Amino acid sequence: MKRSRSVVVVGFALGFALVAGEAGAAIGPAAPTWLRLAPSTGPAWSALALEGGGGATAARQPAPVPRETVPLLRRQRPNTISLGLQGQYGIDRGNSRIADGFDHGPGYAFRFRYMLSPSAALGFSFEHQRYESIQPALNMQGDFADSHVVVTTVSTEAMFFVHREREFNPYFLGGFGYATPDVIFTEDQASRVNEGLFAVAGAGFERFIRARFSFDMSLRAYALVSNSEFTSMTQISAGIHVYPGD
C-alpha cells in the first residue's frame, strides 16, 4: 500500500516536471536580472525636451512665418503730389510802409506738396493776401489816398507730419520765400513797397474725409525784412487738399 502511494507521488512529480519544461521551452529562457529594467514611460528625447533640451526643442518648433507687409497709403508714398486751395485771413505788424498804413484783410492760396518720405514733404505755396487801409480812402480828385495793399508771395516749405497713417494728422512747417507788396491807390495807381525775402513757420492739421480728399487748416507766421524795415504777418488758412493718382 505504501509502495503504491510512493509510485503515484513520483508519477505526479514527473508529470509536473514534464509540463513545466515544455512551457519554458515555448516561452524561451528567462532574461538575466541585470537586463530587467523598469517599464519605460516614453522616448528618452521627450524628457530632454521637457527639461529644456536645445536640440529636441528646436527640432519640434514650427517654421517661422514672415509678417505680411502693409502697403502704404496714398498720402504716405514718396513721390506723391497733392494740390490744395485755401482761403485765409491775415494781420500785419511792424515798422514798415505796409504796417504803417494797413492792418488786416482776406486772401487765398494755392498749395502743392511733394512727399519725400511717409512723414515728410516739400511744399510750395502761392499766396495773394490783401490788407485793408487803416485810414479810409478820401476819393478826392488828385489825392491818391491809400486803398489797400496786395502782398503776392511764393515760398517753399519743409513739412513734417505726425501720425500720417491716421485720418487726423498734425504737421509742422518752416521755409522761406519772396514777397512783392503793391500798394493800390483809389485811382488805380500802384506803388511797390518793401519787396524782399521772408521766412515762414507754422503748424496745422489735415483731416481726411476720404482716402484722397482732406480738410486742411494751418496757422502761419511770416517775417519780412526789406529796406531796413521789418514786417510781421500772421495768417490763418483753411481749405481742401486733393491727392490724385492711381
C-alpha atoms as a PDB file:
ATOM      1  CA  MET A   1       0.000   0.000   0.000  1.00  0.00           C
ATOM      2  CA  LYS A   2       2.789   2.407   0.872  1.00  0.00           C
ATOM      3  CA  ARG A   3       4.657   1.368  -2.210  1.00  0.00           C
ATOM      4  CA  SER A   4       1.694   2.140  -4.458  1.00  0.00           C
ATOM      5  CA  ARG A   5       1.307   5.596  -2.858  1.00  0.00           C
ATOM      6  CA  SER A   6       5.012   6.294  -3.493  1.00  0.00           C
ATOM      7  CA  VAL A   7       4.596   5.319  -7.142  1.00  0.00           C
ATOM      8  CA  VAL A   8       1.636   7.676  -7.509  1.00  0.00           C
ATOM      9  CA  VAL A   9       3.552  10.625  -5.917  1.00  0.00           C
ATOM     10  CA  VAL A  10       6.571  10.008  -8.144  1.00  0.00           C
ATOM     11  CA  GLY A  11       4.281   9.888 -11.208  1.00  0.00           C
ATOM     12  CA  PHE A  12       2.677  13.205 -10.305  1.00  0.00           C
ATOM     13  CA  ALA A  13       6.125  14.789  -9.822  1.00  0.00           C
ATOM     14  CA  LEU A  14       7.420  13.523 -13.154  1.00  0.00           C
ATOM     15  CA  GLY A  15       4.289  14.756 -14.951  1.00  0.00           C
ATOM     16  CA  PHE A  16       4.513  18.251 -13.410  1.00  0.00           C
ATOM     17  CA  ALA A  17       8.198  18.497 -14.318  1.00  0.00           C
ATOM     18  CA  LEU A  18       7.472  17.484 -17.891  1.00  0.00           C
ATOM     19  CA  VAL A  19       4.694  20.077 -18.274  1.00  0.00           C
ATOM     20  CA  ALA A  20       6.845  22.867 -16.773  1.00  0.00           C
ATOM     21  CA  GLY A  21       9.741  22.053 -19.089  1.00  0.00           C
ATOM     22  CA  GLU A  22       7.572  22.225 -22.208  1.00  0.00           C
ATOM     23  CA  ALA A  23       6.144  25.627 -21.143  1.00  0.00           C
ATOM     24  CA  GLY A  24       9.617  27.057 -20.519  1.00  0.00           C
ATOM     25  CA  ALA A  25      10.833  25.871 -23.916  1.00  0.00           C
ATOM     26  CA  ALA A  26       7.879  27.587 -25.642  1.00  0.00           C
ATOM     27  CA  ILE A  27       8.408  30.908 -23.863  1.00  0.00           C
ATOM     28  CA  GLY A  28      12.185  30.988 -24.073  1.00  0.00           C
ATOM     29  CA  PRO A  29      14.894  31.386 -21.500  1.00  0.00           C
ATOM     30  CA  ALA A  30      14.321  33.931 -18.779  1.00  0.00           C
ATOM     31  CA  ALA A  31      16.212  37.198 -19.085  1.00  0.00           C
ATOM     32  CA  PRO A  32      19.060  37.826 -16.666  1.00  0.00           C
ATOM     33  CA  THR A  33      18.281  40.004 -13.693  1.00  0.00           C
ATOM     34  CA  TRP A  34      20.575  42.841 -14.835  1.00  0.00           C
ATOM     35  CA  LEU A  35      18.599  43.206 -18.039  1.00  0.00           C
ATOM     36  CA  ARG A  36      15.281  43.616 -16.271  1.00  0.00           C
ATOM     37  CA  LEU A  37      14.510  47.396 -16.493  1.00  0.00           C
ATOM     38  CA  ALA A  38      11.652  49.415 -15.182  1.00  0.00           C
ATOM     39  CA  PRO A  39       8.910  49.949 -17.750  1.00  0.00           C
ATOM     40  CA  SER A  40       9.542  52.959 -19.989  1.00  0.00           C
ATOM     41  CA  THR A  41       7.145  55.932 -19.868  1.00  0.00           C
ATOM     42  CA  GLY A  42       8.093  57.402 -23.280  1.00  0.00           C
ATOM     43  CA  PRO A  43      11.006  58.242 -25.576  1.00  0.00           C
ATOM     44  CA  ALA A  44      14.176  59.488 -23.929  1.00  0.00           C
ATOM     45  CA  TRP A  45      14.239  62.687 -26.021  1.00  0.00           C
ATOM     46  CA  SER A  46      10.833  63.732 -24.666  1.00  0.00           C
ATOM     47  CA  ALA A  47      12.284  64.065 -21.215  1.00  0.00           C
ATOM     48  CA  LEU A  48      15.140  66.149 -22.625  1.00  0.00           C
ATOM     49  CA  ALA A  49      12.653  68.401 -24.379  1.00  0.00           C
ATOM     50  CA  LEU A  50      10.697  68.903 -21.162  1.00  0.00           C
ATOM     51  CA  GLU A  51      13.930  69.776 -19.350  1.00  0.00           C
ATOM     52  CA  GLY A  52      14.913  72.410 -21.961  1.00  0.00           C
ATOM     53  CA  GLY A  53      16.997  70.241 -24.262  1.00  0.00           C
ATOM     54  CA  GLY A  54      18.006  72.581 -27.099  1.00  0.00           C
ATOM     55  CA  GLY A  55      18.255  70.058 -29.938  1.00  0.00           C
ATOM     56  CA  ALA A  56      14.968  68.257 -29.343  1.00  0.00           C
ATOM     57  CA  THR A  57      13.046  71.500 -28.730  1.00  0.00           C
ATOM     58  CA  ALA A  58      14.452  73.264 -31.808  1.00  0.00           C
ATOM     59  CA  ALA A  59      13.593  70.291 -33.992  1.00  0.00           C
ATOM     60  CA  ARG A  60       9.959  70.391 -32.922  1.00  0.00           C
ATOM     61  CA  GLN A  61       9.395  74.199 -33.321  1.00  0.00           C
ATOM     62  CA  PRO A  62       7.279  75.300 -36.333  1.00  0.00           C
ATOM     63  CA  ALA A  63       8.950  77.161 -39.162  1.00  0.00           C
ATOM     64  CA  PRO A  64       8.806  80.990 -38.790  1.00  0.00           C
ATOM     65  CA  VAL A  65       6.061  82.690 -40.786  1.00  0.00           C
ATOM     66  CA  PRO A  66       7.080  86.026 -42.414  1.00  0.00           C
ATOM     67  CA  ARG A  67       4.943  89.044 -41.495  1.00  0.00           C
ATOM     68  CA  GLU A  68       2.683  90.461 -44.141  1.00  0.00           C
ATOM     69  CA  THR A  69       3.802  93.920 -45.267  1.00  0.00           C
ATOM     70  CA  VAL A  70       1.038  96.527 -45.079  1.00  0.00           C
ATOM     71  CA  PRO A  71       1.016  98.759 -48.189  1.00  0.00           C
ATOM     72  CA  LEU A  72       1.470 102.489 -47.591  1.00  0.00           C
ATOM     73  CA  LEU A  73      -1.490 104.801 -48.001  1.00  0.00           C
ATOM     74  CA  ARG A  74      -1.512 107.135 -50.966  1.00  0.00           C
ATOM     75  CA  ARG A  75      -0.666 110.114 -48.762  1.00  0.00           C
ATOM     76  CA  GLN A  76       2.384 108.271 -47.338  1.00  0.00           C
ATOM     77  CA  ARG A  77       4.004 107.162 -50.562  1.00  0.00           C
ATOM     78  CA  PRO A  78       7.147 109.017 -51.668  1.00  0.00           C
ATOM     79  CA  ASN A  79       6.834 110.981 -54.945  1.00  0.00           C
ATOM     80  CA  THR A  80       3.112 111.621 -54.322  1.00  0.00           C
ATOM     81  CA  ILE A  81       1.912 115.085 -55.403  1.00  0.00           C
ATOM     82  CA  SER A  82      -1.085 116.806 -53.795  1.00  0.00           C
ATOM     83  CA  LEU A  83      -2.927 120.022 -54.662  1.00  0.00           C
ATOM     84  CA  GLY A  84      -4.640 122.413 -52.290  1.00  0.00           C
ATOM     85  CA  LEU A  85      -6.767 125.567 -52.312  1.00  0.00           C
ATOM     86  CA  GLN A  86      -7.246 127.663 -49.171  1.00  0.00           C
ATOM     87  CA  GLY A  87      -8.940 130.835 -48.098  1.00  0.00           C
ATOM     88  CA  GLN A  88      -7.185 132.859 -45.402  1.00  0.00           C
ATOM     89  CA  TYR A  89      -7.286 135.937 -43.236  1.00  0.00           C
ATOM     90  CA  GLY A  90      -4.216 137.842 -42.086  1.00  0.00           C
ATOM     91  CA  ILE A  91      -2.933 140.698 -39.970  1.00  0.00           C
ATOM     92  CA  ASP A  92       0.368 142.586 -40.166  1.00  0.00           C
ATOM     93  CA  ARG A  93       2.546 144.478 -37.710  1.00  0.00           C
ATOM     94  CA  GLY A  94       5.919 146.209 -37.806  1.00  0.00           C
ATOM     95  CA  ASN A  95       7.625 149.488 -38.692  1.00  0.00           C
ATOM     96  CA  SER A  96       7.425 149.204 -42.477  1.00  0.00           C
ATOM     97  CA  ARG A  97       5.355 151.045 -45.054  1.00  0.00           C
ATOM     98  CA  ILE A  98       2.959 148.079 -45.128  1.00  0.00           C
ATOM     99  CA  ALA A  99       2.390 148.014 -41.378  1.00  0.00           C
ATOM    100  CA  ASP A 100       2.097 151.800 -41.081  1.00  0.00           C
ATOM    101  CA  GLY A 101      -0.831 152.057 -43.497  1.00  0.00           C
ATOM    102  CA  PHE A 102      -2.572 148.658 -43.480  1.00  0.00           C
ATOM    103  CA  ASP A 103      -3.636 146.178 -40.843  1.00  0.00           C
ATOM    104  CA  HIS A 104      -5.737 143.146 -41.833  1.00  0.00           C
ATOM    105  CA  GLY A 105      -7.663 141.544 -44.660  1.00  0.00           C
ATOM    106  CA  PRO A 106      -8.604 138.389 -46.610  1.00  0.00           C
ATOM    107  CA  GLY A 107      -6.651 136.341 -49.119  1.00  0.00           C
ATOM    108  CA  TYR A 108      -6.296 132.978 -50.821  1.00  0.00           C
ATOM    109  CA  ALA A 109      -3.535 130.492 -51.547  1.00  0.00           C
ATOM    110  CA  PHE A 110      -2.643 127.595 -53.823  1.00  0.00           C
ATOM    111  CA  ARG A 111      -0.506 124.919 -52.210  1.00  0.00           C
ATOM    112  CA  PHE A 112       1.368 121.953 -53.649  1.00  0.00           C
ATOM    113  CA  ARG A 113       3.110 119.139 -51.787  1.00  0.00           C
ATOM    114  CA  TYR A 114       5.614 116.555 -52.894  1.00  0.00           C
ATOM    115  CA  MET A 115       6.058 113.607 -50.497  1.00  0.00           C
ATOM    116  CA  LEU A 116       9.707 112.788 -49.770  1.00  0.00           C
ATOM    117  CA  SER A 117       9.024 110.033 -47.227  1.00  0.00           C
ATOM    118  CA  PRO A 118       5.991 108.632 -45.346  1.00  0.00           C
ATOM    119  CA  SER A 119       6.193 111.553 -42.871  1.00  0.00           C
ATOM    120  CA  ALA A 120       7.959 114.417 -44.705  1.00  0.00           C
ATOM    121  CA  ALA A 121       7.105 116.562 -47.715  1.00  0.00           C
ATOM    122  CA  LEU A 122       8.352 119.530 -49.691  1.00  0.00           C
ATOM    123  CA  GLY A 123       5.695 122.225 -50.011  1.00  0.00           C
ATOM    124  CA  PHE A 124       5.188 125.129 -52.413  1.00  0.00           C
ATOM    125  CA  SER A 125       2.778 128.000 -51.716  1.00  0.00           C
ATOM    126  CA  PHE A 126       1.492 130.808 -53.925  1.00  0.00           C
ATOM    127  CA  GLU A 127      -0.472 133.414 -51.955  1.00  0.00           C
ATOM    128  CA  HIS A 128      -2.463 136.529 -52.709  1.00  0.00           C
ATOM    129  CA  GLN A 129      -3.026 138.408 -49.459  1.00  0.00           C
ATOM    130  CA  ARG A 130      -4.827 141.717 -49.192  1.00  0.00           C
ATOM    131  CA  TYR A 131      -4.556 144.157 -46.265  1.00  0.00           C
ATOM    132  CA  GLU A 132      -7.046 146.984 -45.947  1.00  0.00           C
ATOM    133  CA  SER A 133      -6.080 150.561 -45.253  1.00  0.00           C
ATOM    134  CA  ILE A 134      -6.095 151.796 -41.692  1.00  0.00           C
ATOM    135  CA  GLN A 135      -7.379 155.205 -42.843  1.00  0.00           C
ATOM    136  CA  PRO A 136     -10.489 155.319 -45.063  1.00  0.00           C
ATOM    137  CA  ALA A 137      -9.951 156.366 -48.664  1.00  0.00           C
ATOM    138  CA  LEU A 138     -10.603 160.056 -49.408  1.00  0.00           C
ATOM    139  CA  ASN A 139     -11.793 159.557 -53.017  1.00  0.00           C
ATOM    140  CA  MET A 140     -10.830 163.099 -53.958  1.00  0.00           C
ATOM    141  CA  GLN A 141      -9.605 164.120 -57.400  1.00  0.00           C
ATOM    142  CA  GLY A 142      -5.840 164.393 -57.446  1.00  0.00           C
ATOM    143  CA  ASP A 143      -5.422 162.862 -53.974  1.00  0.00           C
ATOM    144  CA  PHE A 144      -4.058 159.356 -54.231  1.00  0.00           C
ATOM    145  CA  ALA A 145      -5.305 158.047 -50.934  1.00  0.00           C
ATOM    146  CA  ASP A 146      -4.291 154.534 -49.941  1.00  0.00           C
ATOM    147  CA  SER A 147      -6.912 151.921 -50.758  1.00  0.00           C
ATOM    148  CA  HIS A 148      -5.286 148.587 -49.883  1.00  0.00           C
ATOM    149  CA  VAL A 149      -2.070 146.618 -50.284  1.00  0.00           C
ATOM    150  CA  VAL A 150      -1.775 143.299 -52.075  1.00  0.00           C
ATOM    151  CA  VAL A 151       1.083 141.044 -50.979  1.00  0.00           C
ATOM    152  CA  THR A 152       1.862 138.343 -53.527  1.00  0.00           C
ATOM    153  CA  THR A 153       4.194 135.657 -52.193  1.00  0.00           C
ATOM    154  CA  VAL A 154       5.805 132.459 -53.396  1.00  0.00           C
ATOM    155  CA  SER A 155       7.525 130.158 -50.906  1.00  0.00           C
ATOM    156  CA  THR A 156       8.967 126.706 -50.400  1.00  0.00           C
ATOM    157  CA  GLU A 157       8.468 124.831 -47.122  1.00  0.00           C
ATOM    158  CA  ALA A 158       9.687 121.690 -45.400  1.00  0.00           C
ATOM    159  CA  MET A 159       6.756 119.846 -43.819  1.00  0.00           C
ATOM    160  CA  PHE A 160       6.808 117.159 -41.134  1.00  0.00           C
ATOM    161  CA  PHE A 161       3.673 115.126 -40.391  1.00  0.00           C
ATOM    162  CA  VAL A 162       2.753 113.354 -37.159  1.00  0.00           C
ATOM    163  CA  HIS A 163       0.873 110.022 -37.405  1.00  0.00           C
ATOM    164  CA  ARG A 164       0.497 110.264 -41.171  1.00  0.00           C
ATOM    165  CA  GLU A 165      -1.166 106.823 -41.193  1.00  0.00           C
ATOM    166  CA  ARG A 166      -4.169 108.155 -39.242  1.00  0.00           C
ATOM    167  CA  GLU A 167      -7.169 110.105 -40.511  1.00  0.00           C
ATOM    168  CA  PHE A 168      -6.161 113.125 -38.389  1.00  0.00           C
ATOM    169  CA  ASN A 169      -2.514 114.123 -38.655  1.00  0.00           C
ATOM    170  CA  PRO A 170      -0.940 117.365 -37.400  1.00  0.00           C
ATOM    171  CA  TYR A 171       2.057 118.867 -39.162  1.00  0.00           C
ATOM    172  CA  PHE A 172       4.777 121.478 -38.716  1.00  0.00           C
ATOM    173  CA  LEU A 173       6.382 123.591 -41.426  1.00  0.00           C
ATOM    174  CA  GLY A 174       9.213 126.014 -41.981  1.00  0.00           C
ATOM    175  CA  GLY A 175      10.693 127.681 -45.044  1.00  0.00           C
ATOM    176  CA  PHE A 176      11.403 130.887 -46.931  1.00  0.00           C
ATOM    177  CA  GLY A 177      10.038 132.825 -49.874  1.00  0.00           C
ATOM    178  CA  TYR A 178       9.810 136.082 -51.747  1.00  0.00           C
ATOM    179  CA  ALA A 179       7.157 138.802 -51.290  1.00  0.00           C
ATOM    180  CA  THR A 180       6.080 141.567 -53.683  1.00  0.00           C
ATOM    181  CA  PRO A 181       3.729 144.010 -51.895  1.00  0.00           C
ATOM    182  CA  ASP A 182       1.897 146.536 -54.071  1.00  0.00           C
ATOM    183  CA  VAL A 183       0.021 149.493 -52.600  1.00  0.00           C
ATOM    184  CA  ILE A 184      -3.115 150.120 -54.651  1.00  0.00           C
ATOM    185  CA  PHE A 185      -4.481 153.679 -54.604  1.00  0.00           C
ATOM    186  CA  THR A 186      -8.060 154.783 -55.147  1.00  0.00           C
ATOM    187  CA  GLU A 187      -7.490 155.856 -58.758  1.00  0.00           C
ATOM    188  CA  ASP A 188      -5.934 152.556 -59.830  1.00  0.00           C
ATOM    189  CA  GLN A 189      -2.433 153.799 -59.206  1.00  0.00           C
ATOM    190  CA  ALA A 190       0.042 151.316 -57.672  1.00  0.00           C
ATOM    191  CA  SER A 191       3.374 151.509 -55.917  1.00  0.00           C
ATOM    192  CA  ARG A 192       5.598 148.590 -54.910  1.00  0.00           C
ATOM    193  CA  VAL A 193       6.966 148.716 -51.364  1.00  0.00           C
ATOM    194  CA  ASN A 194       9.005 146.508 -49.025  1.00  0.00           C
ATOM    195  CA  GLU A 195       9.793 143.844 -51.627  1.00  0.00           C
ATOM    196  CA  GLY A 196      12.131 141.117 -50.432  1.00  0.00           C
ATOM    197  CA  LEU A 197      12.808 137.744 -48.840  1.00  0.00           C
ATOM    198  CA  PHE A 198      10.881 136.418 -45.870  1.00  0.00           C
ATOM    199  CA  ALA A 199      10.931 133.423 -43.522  1.00  0.00           C
ATOM    200  CA  VAL A 200       7.816 131.418 -42.679  1.00  0.00           C
ATOM    201  CA  ALA A 201       6.986 128.967 -39.897  1.00  0.00           C
ATOM    202  CA  GLY A 202       3.757 127.410 -38.787  1.00  0.00           C
ATOM    203  CA  ALA A 203       1.673 124.429 -37.775  1.00  0.00           C
ATOM    204  CA  GLY A 204      -1.574 122.871 -38.875  1.00  0.00           C
ATOM    205  CA  PHE A 205      -3.541 119.691 -39.297  1.00  0.00           C
ATOM    206  CA  GLU A 206      -5.055 117.634 -42.057  1.00  0.00           C
ATOM    207  CA  ARG A 207      -8.295 115.722 -41.539  1.00  0.00           C
ATOM    208  CA  PHE A 208      -9.006 113.141 -44.217  1.00  0.00           C
ATOM    209  CA  ILE A 209     -12.651 112.940 -45.259  1.00  0.00           C
ATOM    210  CA  ARG A 210     -11.845 110.396 -47.985  1.00  0.00           C
ATOM    211  CA  ALA A 211      -8.669 108.477 -48.752  1.00  0.00           C
ATOM    212  CA  ARG A 212      -7.576 111.180 -51.226  1.00  0.00           C
ATOM    213  CA  PHE A 213      -9.515 114.216 -50.015  1.00  0.00           C
ATOM    214  CA  SER A 214      -8.831 116.195 -46.844  1.00  0.00           C
ATOM    215  CA  PHE A 215      -9.715 119.338 -44.938  1.00  0.00           C
ATOM    216  CA  ASP A 216      -6.568 121.350 -44.227  1.00  0.00           C
ATOM    217  CA  MET A 217      -6.140 124.153 -41.671  1.00  0.00           C
ATOM    218  CA  SER A 218      -2.959 125.982 -40.690  1.00  0.00           C
ATOM    219  CA  LEU A 219      -1.563 128.980 -38.835  1.00  0.00           C
ATOM    220  CA  ARG A 220       1.479 130.669 -40.402  1.00  0.00           C
ATOM    221  CA  ALA A 221       3.795 133.478 -39.321  1.00  0.00           C
ATOM    222  CA  TYR A 222       5.947 135.481 -41.757  1.00  0.00           C
ATOM    223  CA  ALA A 223       8.952 137.697 -41.083  1.00  0.00           C
ATOM    224  CA  LEU A 224       9.839 140.129 -43.891  1.00  0.00           C
ATOM    225  CA  VAL A 225      12.856 142.425 -43.788  1.00  0.00           C
ATOM    226  CA  SER A 226      13.250 144.983 -46.595  1.00  0.00           C
ATOM    227  CA  ASN A 227      14.938 148.379 -46.782  1.00  0.00           C
ATOM    228  CA  SER A 228      15.863 148.111 -43.098  1.00  0.00           C
ATOM    229  CA  GLU A 229      12.166 147.787 -42.253  1.00  0.00           C
ATOM    230  CA  PHE A 230      10.506 144.842 -40.548  1.00  0.00           C
ATOM    231  CA  THR A 231       7.065 143.441 -41.300  1.00  0.00           C
ATOM    232  CA  SER A 232       5.462 140.531 -39.477  1.00  0.00           C
ATOM    233  CA  MET A 233       2.390 138.872 -40.954  1.00  0.00           C
ATOM    234  CA  THR A 234       0.175 136.208 -39.393  1.00  0.00           C
ATOM    235  CA  GLN A 235      -2.362 134.233 -41.379  1.00  0.00           C
ATOM    236  CA  ILE A 236      -4.918 131.553 -40.570  1.00  0.00           C
ATOM    237  CA  SER A 237      -5.834 129.379 -43.548  1.00  0.00           C
ATOM    238  CA  ALA A 238      -8.445 126.716 -44.203  1.00  0.00           C
ATOM    239  CA  GLY A 239      -9.315 124.743 -47.317  1.00  0.00           C
ATOM    240  CA  ILE A 240      -9.135 121.412 -49.100  1.00  0.00           C
ATOM    241  CA  HIS A 241      -6.359 119.155 -50.314  1.00  0.00           C
ATOM    242  CA  VAL A 242      -6.595 116.522 -53.077  1.00  0.00           C
ATOM    243  CA  TYR A 243      -4.294 113.540 -53.705  1.00  0.00           C
ATOM    244  CA  PRO A 244      -4.738 112.485 -57.346  1.00  0.00           C
ATOM    245  CA  GLY A 245      -3.260 109.306 -58.790  1.00  0.00           C
ATOM    246  CA  ASP A 246      -3.878 105.575 -59.012  1.00  0.00           C
END
